[in-house]
Amino acid sequence: MIRVFGMSYYSINEVATMLGMDRQTLKRYAEKGKISAFRHPLTQKIIFPKEEIDLLKVEFLKNNPPTSA
């Protein structure tokens, strides 16, 4: 998790791992406005607001429950 100006963000790698999604898919979703994404002011890396991703994660898991082996 990354803190910028008192707000918490996840990196694209963290979000990809959490949701089991490809980084390119996340970039496309951000470009299409499906999820919010910003550039870190110093590194210019893509970051996602923690609150939005946490809500998305709950919805994603509700609609795609993990399968047990």
C-alpha atoms as a PDB file:
ATOM      1  CA  MET A   1       0.000   0.000   0.000  1.00  0.00           C
ATOM      2  CA  ILE A   2       1.145   3.505  -0.820  1.00  0.00           C
ATOM      3  CA  ARG A   3       0.306   6.739   1.017  1.00  0.00           C
ATOM      4  CA  VAL A   4       0.060   9.969  -0.965  1.00  0.00           C
ATOM      5  CA  PHE A   5      -1.113  13.206   0.658  1.00  0.00           C
ATOM      6  CA  GLY A   6      -2.700  11.249   3.511  1.00  0.00           C
ATOM      7  CA  MET A   7      -4.677   8.926   1.216  1.00  0.00           C
ATOM      8  CA  SER A   8      -4.043   5.184   0.756  1.00  0.00           C
ATOM      9  CA  TYR A   9      -3.516   3.617  -2.656  1.00  0.00           C
ATOM     10  CA  TYR A  10      -2.611   0.227  -4.051  1.00  0.00           C
ATOM     11  CA  SER A  11      -0.068  -0.320  -6.803  1.00  0.00           C
ATOM     12  CA  ILE A  12      -1.174  -2.015 -10.003  1.00  0.00           C
ATOM     13  CA  ASN A  13       0.752  -5.139  -8.955  1.00  0.00           C
ATOM     14  CA  GLU A  14      -1.065  -5.295  -5.614  1.00  0.00           C
ATOM     15  CA  VAL A  15      -4.470  -4.953  -7.279  1.00  0.00           C
ATOM     16  CA  ALA A  16      -3.621  -7.540  -9.941  1.00  0.00           C
ATOM     17  CA  THR A  17      -2.601 -10.030  -7.240  1.00  0.00           C
ATOM     18  CA  MET A  18      -5.636  -9.298  -5.029  1.00  0.00           C
ATOM     19  CA  LEU A  19      -8.145  -9.749  -7.830  1.00  0.00           C
ATOM     20  CA  GLY A  20      -6.252 -12.337  -9.856  1.00  0.00           C
ATOM     21  CA  MET A  21      -6.359 -10.064 -12.895  1.00  0.00           C
ATOM     22  CA  ASP A  22      -3.799  -9.136 -15.502  1.00  0.00           C
ATOM     23  CA  ARG A  23      -2.126  -5.722 -15.245  1.00  0.00           C
ATOM     24  CA  GLN A  24      -3.162  -4.902 -18.824  1.00  0.00           C
ATOM     25  CA  THR A  25      -6.806  -5.598 -17.962  1.00  0.00           C
ATOM     26  CA  LEU A  26      -6.591  -3.197 -15.035  1.00  0.00           C
ATOM     27  CA  LYS A  27      -5.016  -0.554 -17.276  1.00  0.00           C
ATOM     28  CA  ARG A  28      -7.843  -0.977 -19.819  1.00  0.00           C
ATOM     29  CA  TYR A  29     -10.485  -0.718 -17.080  1.00  0.00           C
ATOM     30  CA  ALA A  30      -8.854   2.492 -15.860  1.00  0.00           C
ATOM     31  CA  GLU A  31      -8.656   3.931 -19.392  1.00  0.00           C
ATOM     32  CA  LYS A  32     -12.355   3.170 -19.937  1.00  0.00           C
ATOM     33  CA  GLY A  33     -13.272   4.723 -16.582  1.00  0.00           C
ATOM     34  CA  LYS A  34     -14.488   1.461 -15.048  1.00  0.00           C
ATOM     35  CA  ILE A  35     -12.152   1.989 -12.085  1.00  0.00           C
ATOM     36  CA  SER A  36     -10.326   5.054 -10.805  1.00  0.00           C
ATOM     37  CA  ALA A  37      -6.588   5.207 -11.310  1.00  0.00           C
ATOM     38  CA  PHE A  38      -4.040   7.959 -10.885  1.00  0.00           C
ATOM     39  CA  ARG A  39      -0.358   8.529 -11.491  1.00  0.00           C
ATOM     40  CA  HIS A  40       1.853   8.768  -8.422  1.00  0.00           C
ATOM     41  CA  PRO A  41       3.092  12.386  -8.309  1.00  0.00           C
ATOM     42  CA  LEU A  42       6.766  11.406  -7.996  1.00  0.00           C
ATOM     43  CA  THR A  43       7.137   8.043  -9.707  1.00  0.00           C
ATOM     44  CA  GLN A  44       4.325   8.371 -12.287  1.00  0.00           C
ATOM     45  CA  LYS A  45       3.359   4.738 -11.599  1.00  0.00           C
ATOM     46  CA  ILE A  46      -0.333   3.837 -11.779  1.00  0.00           C
ATOM     47  CA  ILE A  47      -2.035   3.714  -8.371  1.00  0.00           C
ATOM     48  CA  PHE A  48      -5.596   2.841  -7.378  1.00  0.00           C
ATOM     49  CA  PRO A  49      -7.569   4.282  -4.415  1.00  0.00           C
ATOM     50  CA  LYS A  50      -7.642   1.752  -1.577  1.00  0.00           C
ATOM     51  CA  GLU A  51     -11.294   2.380  -0.683  1.00  0.00           C
ATOM     52  CA  GLU A  52     -12.493   1.745  -4.241  1.00  0.00           C
ATOM     53  CA  ILE A  53     -10.394  -1.397  -4.670  1.00  0.00           C
ATOM     54  CA  ASP A  54     -11.523  -2.781  -1.307  1.00  0.00           C
ATOM     55  CA  LEU A  55     -15.178  -2.377  -2.385  1.00  0.00           C
ATOM     56  CA  LEU A  56     -14.419  -3.873  -5.777  1.00  0.00           C
ATOM     57  CA  LYS A  57     -12.680  -6.805  -4.097  1.00  0.00           C
ATOM     58  CA  VAL A  58     -15.773  -7.549  -1.975  1.00  0.00           C
ATOM     59  CA  GLU A  59     -18.027  -7.427  -5.055  1.00  0.00           C
ATOM     60  CA  PHE A  60     -15.596  -9.496  -7.100  1.00  0.00           C
ATOM     61  CA  LEU A  61     -15.370 -12.206  -4.436  1.00  0.00           C
ATOM     62  CA  LYS A  62     -19.134 -12.203  -3.960  1.00  0.00           C
ATOM     63  CA  ASN A  63     -19.651 -12.829  -7.679  1.00  0.00           C
ATOM     64  CA  ASN A  64     -16.645 -15.168  -8.049  1.00  0.00           C
ATOM     65  CA  PRO A  65     -16.356 -17.252  -4.868  1.00  0.00           C
ATOM     66  CA  PRO A  66     -13.108 -19.163  -4.471  1.00  0.00           C
ATOM     67  CA  THR A  67     -13.347 -22.825  -5.334  1.00  0.00           C
ATOM     68  CA  SER A  68     -12.004 -25.366  -2.892  1.00  0.00           C
ATOM     69  CA  ALA A  69      -9.951 -28.228  -4.248  1.00  0.00           C
END
